[in-house]
Amino acid sequence: MPTEAGAVELPDGPFDGRTAFQSHLHVTLAAAAQQGWREIVFADSDFADWPLGERASIAALQAWAASGRSLLLVAESFGVFDRSHARFVEWRRLWSHIVDARACSGSGAPSVPSAVWTPSWSLHRIDPAHSRGVSSGRPEHCRALRERIDECLRQSKPAFPASTLGL
């Protein structure tokens, strides 16, 4: 949410519903671009209801993308991207050098949290079915969420390649 000075203010506190979740994601992407975040993690079981295919999302990611930045995607499956997030797939091809995608699935793998994580702020959709969750800049929230994501990463493998090469 823009402030009077034009700075994007990150939400802090609970949110409820798909519209609120997607609004929080739009604000997050705008803040990332404006504040030049160096590291962002997107995590979700499949990203089906994230607005990653929207023009506004891609414009914000384009404004954020630069050398030295990194976007980590963690999911159980990336199948929805070709069907629902075509603009993101194209953007990912262009920026493959800053995007890493990992799949955490299979027997014994932890469930992937639905979240956005940065070193100083996080958004965690605790109840993905109803899009209920909390956003916070509190260090203990960020740390706990990162620990859950790291557990998924320990059991993950590379996924969602930027291009498919064949002979």
N, C-alpha and C. Protein backbone atom coordinates (compact mmCIF):
# COMPACT_ATOMS: atom_id res chain seq x y z
N MET A 1 0.82 -1.17 0.00
CA MET A 1 0.00 0.00 0.00
C MET A 1 0.87 1.24 0.00
N PRO A 2 0.73 2.07 -1.04
CA PRO A 2 1.58 3.25 -1.12
C PRO A 2 1.30 4.24 0.00
N THR A 3 2.35 4.87 0.48
CA THR A 3 2.20 5.91 1.49
C THR A 3 2.20 7.25 0.77
N GLU A 4 2.04 8.33 1.53
CA GLU A 4 2.00 9.65 0.92
C GLU A 4 3.29 9.97 0.18
N ALA A 5 4.41 9.51 0.69
CA ALA A 5 5.70 9.79 0.05
C ALA A 5 5.94 8.88 -1.15
N GLY A 6 5.00 7.96 -1.43
CA GLY A 6 5.15 7.07 -2.58
C GLY A 6 5.81 5.75 -2.24
N ALA A 7 6.29 5.60 -1.02
CA ALA A 7 6.92 4.34 -0.63
C ALA A 7 5.84 3.28 -0.41
N VAL A 8 6.13 2.08 -0.81
CA VAL A 8 5.20 0.98 -0.61
C VAL A 8 5.35 0.48 0.82
N GLU A 9 4.24 0.43 1.53
CA GLU A 9 4.24 -0.05 2.90
C GLU A 9 3.76 -1.50 2.90
N LEU A 10 4.58 -2.36 3.46
CA LEU A 10 4.23 -3.78 3.51
C LEU A 10 3.15 -4.04 4.54
N PRO A 11 2.21 -4.92 4.22
CA PRO A 11 1.17 -5.24 5.20
C PRO A 11 1.77 -5.96 6.40
N ASP A 12 1.11 -5.80 7.53
CA ASP A 12 1.55 -6.45 8.76
C ASP A 12 0.32 -6.88 9.53
N GLY A 13 0.18 -8.19 9.70
CA GLY A 13 -0.96 -8.70 10.43
C GLY A 13 -1.70 -9.76 9.63
N PRO A 14 -2.84 -10.18 10.15
CA PRO A 14 -3.59 -11.25 9.50
C PRO A 14 -4.27 -10.79 8.21
N PHE A 15 -4.54 -11.74 7.32
CA PHE A 15 -5.35 -11.50 6.13
C PHE A 15 -6.27 -12.69 5.96
N ASP A 16 -7.38 -12.48 5.26
CA ASP A 16 -8.39 -13.51 5.12
C ASP A 16 -9.02 -13.42 3.74
N GLY A 17 -8.90 -14.48 2.96
CA GLY A 17 -9.54 -14.56 1.66
C GLY A 17 -8.58 -14.42 0.50
N ARG A 18 -9.01 -14.97 -0.62
CA ARG A 18 -8.18 -14.99 -1.82
C ARG A 18 -7.85 -13.59 -2.32
N THR A 19 -8.85 -12.69 -2.30
CA THR A 19 -8.61 -11.33 -2.76
C THR A 19 -7.56 -10.64 -1.90
N ALA A 20 -7.66 -10.80 -0.59
CA ALA A 20 -6.67 -10.20 0.32
C ALA A 20 -5.28 -10.80 0.07
N PHE A 21 -5.21 -12.11 -0.10
CA PHE A 21 -3.93 -12.77 -0.36
C PHE A 21 -3.30 -12.23 -1.64
N GLN A 22 -4.09 -12.18 -2.72
CA GLN A 22 -3.54 -11.69 -3.98
C GLN A 22 -3.16 -10.22 -3.90
N SER A 23 -3.92 -9.44 -3.17
CA SER A 23 -3.57 -8.03 -2.96
C SER A 23 -2.25 -7.91 -2.22
N HIS A 24 -2.07 -8.73 -1.20
CA HIS A 24 -0.80 -8.74 -0.46
C HIS A 24 0.37 -9.11 -1.37
N LEU A 25 0.14 -10.06 -2.28
CA LEU A 25 1.20 -10.44 -3.21
C LEU A 25 1.56 -9.28 -4.15
N HIS A 26 0.55 -8.55 -4.63
CA HIS A 26 0.82 -7.40 -5.49
C HIS A 26 1.64 -6.34 -4.75
N VAL A 27 1.27 -6.08 -3.51
CA VAL A 27 2.01 -5.11 -2.69
C VAL A 27 3.44 -5.60 -2.47
N THR A 28 3.57 -6.89 -2.21
CA THR A 28 4.90 -7.49 -2.00
C THR A 28 5.79 -7.28 -3.22
N LEU A 29 5.27 -7.56 -4.40
CA LEU A 29 6.07 -7.40 -5.62
C LEU A 29 6.43 -5.95 -5.86
N ALA A 30 5.50 -5.04 -5.59
CA ALA A 30 5.80 -3.61 -5.74
C ALA A 30 6.89 -3.18 -4.76
N ALA A 31 6.81 -3.65 -3.53
CA ALA A 31 7.82 -3.31 -2.53
C ALA A 31 9.18 -3.88 -2.91
N ALA A 32 9.19 -5.10 -3.42
CA ALA A 32 10.45 -5.73 -3.83
C ALA A 32 11.15 -4.88 -4.89
N ALA A 33 10.36 -4.40 -5.85
CA ALA A 33 10.93 -3.57 -6.91
C ALA A 33 11.40 -2.23 -6.37
N GLN A 34 10.56 -1.60 -5.57
CA GLN A 34 10.90 -0.27 -5.06
C GLN A 34 12.08 -0.29 -4.10
N GLN A 35 12.14 -1.32 -3.25
CA GLN A 35 13.17 -1.38 -2.22
C GLN A 35 14.40 -2.18 -2.65
N GLY A 36 14.35 -2.78 -3.82
CA GLY A 36 15.53 -3.50 -4.33
C GLY A 36 15.93 -4.71 -3.51
N TRP A 37 14.94 -5.49 -3.06
CA TRP A 37 15.26 -6.69 -2.28
C TRP A 37 16.22 -7.58 -3.04
N ARG A 38 17.20 -8.11 -2.38
CA ARG A 38 18.19 -8.96 -3.03
C ARG A 38 17.75 -10.42 -3.10
N GLU A 39 16.95 -10.86 -2.15
CA GLU A 39 16.57 -12.27 -2.09
C GLU A 39 15.09 -12.40 -1.76
N ILE A 40 14.39 -13.22 -2.55
CA ILE A 40 12.98 -13.50 -2.32
C ILE A 40 12.77 -15.00 -2.50
N VAL A 41 11.94 -15.58 -1.65
CA VAL A 41 11.54 -16.98 -1.80
C VAL A 41 10.03 -17.00 -1.95
N PHE A 42 9.55 -17.67 -3.01
CA PHE A 42 8.14 -17.97 -3.18
C PHE A 42 7.99 -19.46 -2.95
N ALA A 43 7.09 -19.85 -2.06
CA ALA A 43 6.85 -21.26 -1.78
C ALA A 43 5.36 -21.54 -1.80
N ASP A 44 4.99 -22.66 -2.40
CA ASP A 44 3.59 -23.08 -2.43
C ASP A 44 3.53 -24.50 -2.97
N SER A 45 2.47 -25.21 -2.67
CA SER A 45 2.38 -26.57 -3.19
C SER A 45 2.38 -26.56 -4.71
N ASP A 46 1.65 -25.60 -5.35
CA ASP A 46 1.62 -25.58 -6.81
C ASP A 46 1.44 -24.19 -7.44
N PHE A 47 1.26 -23.14 -6.65
CA PHE A 47 1.09 -21.76 -7.12
C PHE A 47 -0.16 -21.55 -7.97
N ALA A 48 -1.14 -22.44 -7.87
CA ALA A 48 -2.32 -22.37 -8.72
C ALA A 48 -3.10 -21.06 -8.57
N ASP A 49 -3.20 -20.54 -7.35
CA ASP A 49 -4.01 -19.33 -7.17
C ASP A 49 -3.17 -18.08 -6.89
N TRP A 50 -1.91 -18.12 -7.27
CA TRP A 50 -1.07 -16.93 -7.18
C TRP A 50 -1.24 -16.13 -8.47
N PRO A 51 -1.18 -14.80 -8.42
CA PRO A 51 -1.36 -13.98 -9.62
C PRO A 51 -0.07 -13.81 -10.44
N LEU A 52 0.68 -14.87 -10.60
CA LEU A 52 1.99 -14.75 -11.27
C LEU A 52 1.90 -14.59 -12.78
N GLY A 53 0.75 -14.88 -13.37
CA GLY A 53 0.60 -14.70 -14.81
C GLY A 53 0.06 -13.34 -15.21
N GLU A 54 -0.25 -12.51 -14.24
CA GLU A 54 -0.82 -11.19 -14.53
C GLU A 54 0.24 -10.20 -15.01
N ARG A 55 -0.17 -9.31 -15.90
CA ARG A 55 0.75 -8.29 -16.42
C ARG A 55 1.38 -7.46 -15.30
N ALA A 56 0.58 -7.09 -14.32
CA ALA A 56 1.09 -6.26 -13.21
C ALA A 56 2.17 -7.00 -12.43
N SER A 57 1.99 -8.28 -12.22
CA SER A 57 2.99 -9.08 -11.50
C SER A 57 4.29 -9.15 -12.28
N ILE A 58 4.19 -9.38 -13.57
CA ILE A 58 5.39 -9.47 -14.41
C ILE A 58 6.08 -8.11 -14.50
N ALA A 59 5.32 -7.03 -14.58
CA ALA A 59 5.92 -5.69 -14.61
C ALA A 59 6.70 -5.43 -13.32
N ALA A 60 6.12 -5.83 -12.20
CA ALA A 60 6.82 -5.63 -10.92
C ALA A 60 8.06 -6.51 -10.83
N LEU A 61 7.96 -7.76 -11.27
CA LEU A 61 9.15 -8.63 -11.28
C LEU A 61 10.22 -8.08 -12.21
N GLN A 62 9.82 -7.54 -13.33
CA GLN A 62 10.77 -6.96 -14.28
C GLN A 62 11.47 -5.76 -13.65
N ALA A 63 10.72 -4.94 -12.93
CA ALA A 63 11.31 -3.78 -12.26
C ALA A 63 12.26 -4.21 -11.15
N TRP A 64 11.97 -5.35 -10.52
CA TRP A 64 12.81 -5.86 -9.43
C TRP A 64 14.08 -6.53 -9.95
N ALA A 65 13.98 -7.25 -11.04
CA ALA A 65 15.07 -8.10 -11.53
C ALA A 65 16.31 -7.27 -11.87
N ALA A 66 17.44 -7.74 -11.39
CA ALA A 66 18.74 -7.11 -11.67
C ALA A 66 19.83 -8.08 -11.27
N SER A 67 21.02 -7.80 -11.71
CA SER A 67 22.16 -8.61 -11.32
C SER A 67 22.32 -8.60 -9.81
N GLY A 68 22.65 -9.74 -9.25
CA GLY A 68 22.84 -9.83 -7.82
C GLY A 68 21.58 -10.14 -7.04
N ARG A 69 20.44 -10.24 -7.72
CA ARG A 69 19.18 -10.58 -7.08
C ARG A 69 18.94 -12.07 -7.24
N SER A 70 18.09 -12.64 -6.38
CA SER A 70 17.75 -14.05 -6.53
C SER A 70 16.30 -14.31 -6.11
N LEU A 71 15.65 -15.14 -6.90
CA LEU A 71 14.29 -15.59 -6.62
C LEU A 71 14.33 -17.11 -6.55
N LEU A 72 13.93 -17.64 -5.43
CA LEU A 72 13.87 -19.08 -5.24
C LEU A 72 12.41 -19.49 -5.22
N LEU A 73 12.06 -20.46 -6.06
CA LEU A 73 10.71 -21.02 -6.10
C LEU A 73 10.77 -22.42 -5.52
N VAL A 74 9.90 -22.71 -4.57
CA VAL A 74 9.82 -24.04 -3.97
C VAL A 74 8.38 -24.51 -4.09
N ALA A 75 8.18 -25.69 -4.67
CA ALA A 75 6.83 -26.22 -4.86
C ALA A 75 6.87 -27.74 -4.82
N GLU A 76 5.71 -28.32 -4.67
CA GLU A 76 5.59 -29.76 -4.84
C GLU A 76 5.51 -30.07 -6.33
N SER A 77 4.85 -29.18 -7.08
CA SER A 77 4.68 -29.37 -8.52
C SER A 77 4.64 -28.02 -9.21
N PHE A 78 5.21 -27.94 -10.40
CA PHE A 78 5.21 -26.71 -11.19
C PHE A 78 4.34 -26.83 -12.43
N GLY A 79 3.50 -27.86 -12.50
CA GLY A 79 2.67 -28.13 -13.68
C GLY A 79 1.72 -27.01 -14.06
N VAL A 80 1.26 -26.24 -13.11
CA VAL A 80 0.29 -25.19 -13.38
C VAL A 80 0.89 -24.02 -14.16
N PHE A 81 2.18 -23.85 -14.13
CA PHE A 81 2.79 -22.67 -14.75
C PHE A 81 2.51 -22.58 -16.25
N ASP A 82 2.71 -23.65 -17.00
CA ASP A 82 2.47 -23.59 -18.44
C ASP A 82 1.00 -23.30 -18.75
N ARG A 83 0.10 -23.77 -17.92
CA ARG A 83 -1.33 -23.56 -18.15
C ARG A 83 -1.83 -22.20 -17.68
N SER A 84 -1.35 -21.74 -16.54
CA SER A 84 -1.96 -20.55 -15.92
C SER A 84 -1.05 -19.34 -15.77
N HIS A 85 0.24 -19.53 -15.90
CA HIS A 85 1.18 -18.42 -15.67
C HIS A 85 2.14 -18.26 -16.85
N ALA A 86 1.58 -18.21 -18.06
CA ALA A 86 2.42 -18.16 -19.27
C ALA A 86 3.36 -16.94 -19.28
N ARG A 87 2.89 -15.81 -18.83
CA ARG A 87 3.76 -14.62 -18.79
C ARG A 87 4.94 -14.85 -17.84
N PHE A 88 4.67 -15.49 -16.72
CA PHE A 88 5.75 -15.78 -15.78
C PHE A 88 6.76 -16.75 -16.41
N VAL A 89 6.28 -17.74 -17.12
CA VAL A 89 7.17 -18.71 -17.77
C VAL A 89 8.12 -17.98 -18.72
N GLU A 90 7.59 -17.05 -19.50
CA GLU A 90 8.44 -16.28 -20.42
C GLU A 90 9.42 -15.40 -19.64
N TRP A 91 8.95 -14.72 -18.60
CA TRP A 91 9.84 -13.89 -17.78
C TRP A 91 10.93 -14.75 -17.16
N ARG A 92 10.57 -15.93 -16.69
CA ARG A 92 11.54 -16.83 -16.08
C ARG A 92 12.63 -17.23 -17.07
N ARG A 93 12.25 -17.43 -18.34
CA ARG A 93 13.26 -17.74 -19.38
C ARG A 93 14.28 -16.60 -19.52
N LEU A 94 13.78 -15.38 -19.51
CA LEU A 94 14.66 -14.22 -19.66
C LEU A 94 15.58 -14.02 -18.46
N TRP A 95 15.08 -14.37 -17.29
CA TRP A 95 15.82 -14.12 -16.05
C TRP A 95 16.25 -15.42 -15.38
N SER A 96 16.51 -16.44 -16.15
CA SER A 96 16.85 -17.76 -15.58
C SER A 96 18.10 -17.71 -14.70
N HIS A 97 18.97 -16.76 -14.93
CA HIS A 97 20.20 -16.66 -14.14
C HIS A 97 19.96 -16.18 -12.71
N ILE A 98 18.77 -15.65 -12.41
CA ILE A 98 18.48 -15.23 -11.04
C ILE A 98 17.36 -16.05 -10.40
N VAL A 99 16.80 -17.01 -11.15
CA VAL A 99 15.68 -17.81 -10.65
C VAL A 99 16.12 -19.26 -10.47
N ASP A 100 15.87 -19.80 -9.30
CA ASP A 100 16.14 -21.21 -9.00
C ASP A 100 14.82 -21.84 -8.59
N ALA A 101 14.46 -22.95 -9.21
CA ALA A 101 13.22 -23.64 -8.88
C ALA A 101 13.53 -25.03 -8.35
N ARG A 102 12.90 -25.37 -7.24
CA ARG A 102 13.14 -26.65 -6.57
C ARG A 102 11.81 -27.33 -6.27
N ALA A 103 11.76 -28.63 -6.51
CA ALA A 103 10.57 -29.42 -6.20
C ALA A 103 10.81 -30.22 -4.93
N CYS A 104 9.88 -30.13 -4.01
CA CYS A 104 9.93 -30.87 -2.76
C CYS A 104 8.69 -31.74 -2.72
N SER A 105 8.84 -32.98 -3.15
CA SER A 105 7.70 -33.89 -3.17
C SER A 105 8.20 -35.31 -3.03
N GLY A 106 7.28 -36.19 -2.81
CA GLY A 106 7.64 -37.59 -2.69
C GLY A 106 7.49 -38.10 -1.27
N SER A 107 7.76 -39.34 -1.12
CA SER A 107 7.61 -40.00 0.17
C SER A 107 8.51 -39.38 1.22
N GLY A 108 7.94 -38.99 2.32
CA GLY A 108 8.70 -38.43 3.42
C GLY A 108 9.03 -36.96 3.31
N ALA A 109 8.70 -36.33 2.19
CA ALA A 109 8.99 -34.91 2.02
C ALA A 109 8.01 -34.08 2.84
N PRO A 110 8.48 -33.00 3.46
CA PRO A 110 7.57 -32.14 4.21
C PRO A 110 6.64 -31.38 3.26
N SER A 111 5.50 -30.94 3.77
CA SER A 111 4.62 -30.13 2.94
C SER A 111 5.23 -28.75 2.77
N VAL A 112 5.10 -28.22 1.57
CA VAL A 112 5.67 -26.91 1.26
C VAL A 112 4.72 -25.84 1.80
N PRO A 113 5.24 -24.91 2.61
CA PRO A 113 4.37 -23.84 3.11
C PRO A 113 3.99 -22.90 1.96
N SER A 114 2.85 -22.27 2.06
CA SER A 114 2.44 -21.26 1.08
C SER A 114 2.90 -19.92 1.62
N ALA A 115 3.96 -19.37 1.01
CA ALA A 115 4.59 -18.20 1.63
C ALA A 115 5.46 -17.40 0.68
N VAL A 116 5.70 -16.18 1.09
CA VAL A 116 6.75 -15.34 0.52
C VAL A 116 7.69 -15.06 1.68
N TRP A 117 8.98 -15.25 1.45
CA TRP A 117 9.97 -14.99 2.49
C TRP A 117 11.03 -14.05 1.96
N THR A 118 11.40 -13.10 2.80
CA THR A 118 12.57 -12.25 2.56
C THR A 118 13.32 -12.19 3.89
N PRO A 119 14.55 -11.75 3.89
CA PRO A 119 15.27 -11.68 5.17
C PRO A 119 14.61 -10.78 6.22
N SER A 120 13.78 -9.83 5.79
CA SER A 120 13.21 -8.88 6.75
C SER A 120 11.69 -8.87 6.82
N TRP A 121 11.01 -9.68 6.01
CA TRP A 121 9.55 -9.67 6.00
C TRP A 121 9.05 -10.98 5.41
N SER A 122 7.89 -11.42 5.86
CA SER A 122 7.32 -12.64 5.31
C SER A 122 5.80 -12.58 5.25
N LEU A 123 5.26 -13.37 4.35
CA LEU A 123 3.82 -13.55 4.21
C LEU A 123 3.60 -15.05 4.24
N HIS A 124 2.77 -15.52 5.15
CA HIS A 124 2.57 -16.96 5.30
C HIS A 124 1.06 -17.25 5.25
N ARG A 125 0.67 -18.00 4.24
CA ARG A 125 -0.73 -18.41 4.12
C ARG A 125 -0.87 -19.71 4.90
N ILE A 126 -1.30 -19.59 6.13
CA ILE A 126 -1.38 -20.72 7.06
C ILE A 126 -2.47 -21.70 6.65
N ASP A 127 -3.57 -21.19 6.11
CA ASP A 127 -4.69 -22.01 5.63
C ASP A 127 -4.88 -21.72 4.14
N PRO A 128 -4.12 -22.42 3.27
CA PRO A 128 -4.20 -22.15 1.83
C PRO A 128 -5.60 -22.37 1.24
N ALA A 129 -6.35 -23.34 1.76
CA ALA A 129 -7.67 -23.62 1.21
C ALA A 129 -8.60 -22.42 1.33
N HIS A 130 -8.44 -21.61 2.39
CA HIS A 130 -9.28 -20.43 2.60
C HIS A 130 -8.50 -19.13 2.47
N SER A 131 -7.25 -19.24 2.05
CA SER A 131 -6.36 -18.08 1.89
C SER A 131 -6.32 -17.22 3.13
N ARG A 132 -6.09 -17.86 4.26
CA ARG A 132 -5.95 -17.14 5.52
C ARG A 132 -4.49 -17.23 5.97
N GLY A 133 -3.99 -16.13 6.48
CA GLY A 133 -2.62 -16.15 6.94
C GLY A 133 -2.22 -14.88 7.62
N VAL A 134 -0.92 -14.67 7.66
CA VAL A 134 -0.38 -13.51 8.36
C VAL A 134 0.87 -13.01 7.62
N SER A 135 1.04 -11.71 7.63
CA SER A 135 2.27 -11.12 7.10
C SER A 135 2.94 -10.40 8.26
N SER A 136 4.27 -10.42 8.25
CA SER A 136 4.97 -9.86 9.40
C SER A 136 6.42 -9.54 9.08
N GLY A 137 6.91 -8.52 9.72
CA GLY A 137 8.33 -8.19 9.66
C GLY A 137 9.05 -8.61 10.93
N ARG A 138 8.35 -9.32 11.80
CA ARG A 138 8.97 -9.75 13.06
C ARG A 138 10.01 -10.83 12.78
N PRO A 139 11.22 -10.67 13.29
CA PRO A 139 12.30 -11.62 13.01
C PRO A 139 11.95 -13.07 13.34
N GLU A 140 11.22 -13.30 14.44
CA GLU A 140 10.91 -14.68 14.80
C GLU A 140 9.96 -15.34 13.79
N HIS A 141 9.07 -14.56 13.19
CA HIS A 141 8.19 -15.10 12.14
C HIS A 141 9.01 -15.46 10.91
N CYS A 142 9.87 -14.54 10.50
CA CYS A 142 10.71 -14.78 9.32
C CYS A 142 11.61 -16.00 9.53
N ARG A 143 12.19 -16.10 10.69
CA ARG A 143 13.10 -17.20 11.01
C ARG A 143 12.37 -18.55 11.01
N ALA A 144 11.21 -18.61 11.64
CA ALA A 144 10.44 -19.86 11.70
C ALA A 144 9.99 -20.30 10.31
N LEU A 145 9.57 -19.34 9.50
CA LEU A 145 9.14 -19.68 8.14
C LEU A 145 10.33 -20.16 7.32
N ARG A 146 11.47 -19.51 7.46
CA ARG A 146 12.66 -19.93 6.70
C ARG A 146 13.09 -21.33 7.11
N GLU A 147 12.95 -21.67 8.36
CA GLU A 147 13.30 -23.02 8.80
C GLU A 147 12.42 -24.07 8.11
N ARG A 148 11.13 -23.78 7.96
CA ARG A 148 10.23 -24.70 7.25
C ARG A 148 10.62 -24.82 5.78
N ILE A 149 10.95 -23.71 5.17
CA ILE A 149 11.36 -23.72 3.76
C ILE A 149 12.68 -24.48 3.61
N ASP A 150 13.62 -24.25 4.50
CA ASP A 150 14.90 -24.95 4.44
C ASP A 150 14.74 -26.46 4.56
N GLU A 151 13.79 -26.90 5.38
CA GLU A 151 13.53 -28.34 5.49
C GLU A 151 13.06 -28.89 4.15
N CYS A 152 12.24 -28.16 3.45
CA CYS A 152 11.81 -28.57 2.11
C CYS A 152 13.00 -28.59 1.15
N LEU A 153 13.84 -27.57 1.23
CA LEU A 153 14.99 -27.49 0.34
C LEU A 153 15.95 -28.65 0.54
N ARG A 154 16.12 -29.11 1.77
CA ARG A 154 17.02 -30.24 2.04
C ARG A 154 16.57 -31.51 1.30
N GLN A 155 15.28 -31.61 1.05
CA GLN A 155 14.76 -32.81 0.39
C GLN A 155 14.28 -32.52 -1.03
N SER A 156 14.72 -31.41 -1.59
CA SER A 156 14.24 -31.00 -2.91
C SER A 156 15.21 -31.39 -4.02
N LYS A 157 14.74 -31.20 -5.24
CA LYS A 157 15.58 -31.42 -6.42
C LYS A 157 15.26 -30.32 -7.43
N PRO A 158 16.18 -30.05 -8.35
CA PRO A 158 15.91 -29.02 -9.35
C PRO A 158 14.65 -29.35 -10.15
N ALA A 159 13.90 -28.30 -10.51
CA ALA A 159 12.66 -28.48 -11.24
C ALA A 159 12.37 -27.23 -12.09
N PHE A 160 11.33 -27.29 -12.89
CA PHE A 160 10.85 -26.16 -13.68
C PHE A 160 12.00 -25.49 -14.44
N PRO A 161 12.61 -26.23 -15.37
CA PRO A 161 13.74 -25.64 -16.12
C PRO A 161 13.28 -24.43 -16.96
N ALA A 162 14.21 -23.52 -17.17
CA ALA A 162 13.90 -22.31 -17.95
C ALA A 162 13.62 -22.65 -19.40
N SER A 163 14.23 -23.72 -19.89
CA SER A 163 13.97 -24.15 -21.26
C SER A 163 14.12 -25.67 -21.29
N THR A 164 13.53 -26.25 -22.30
CA THR A 164 13.66 -27.69 -22.48
C THR A 164 14.49 -27.92 -23.72
N LEU A 165 15.60 -28.60 -23.52
CA LEU A 165 16.50 -28.89 -24.61
C LEU A 165 16.32 -30.33 -25.05
N GLY A 166 16.36 -30.54 -26.31
CA GLY A 166 16.23 -31.91 -26.82
C GLY A 166 17.15 -32.09 -28.00
N LEU A 167 17.38 -33.33 -28.35
CA LEU A 167 18.25 -33.63 -29.49
C LEU A 167 17.44 -34.03 -30.67
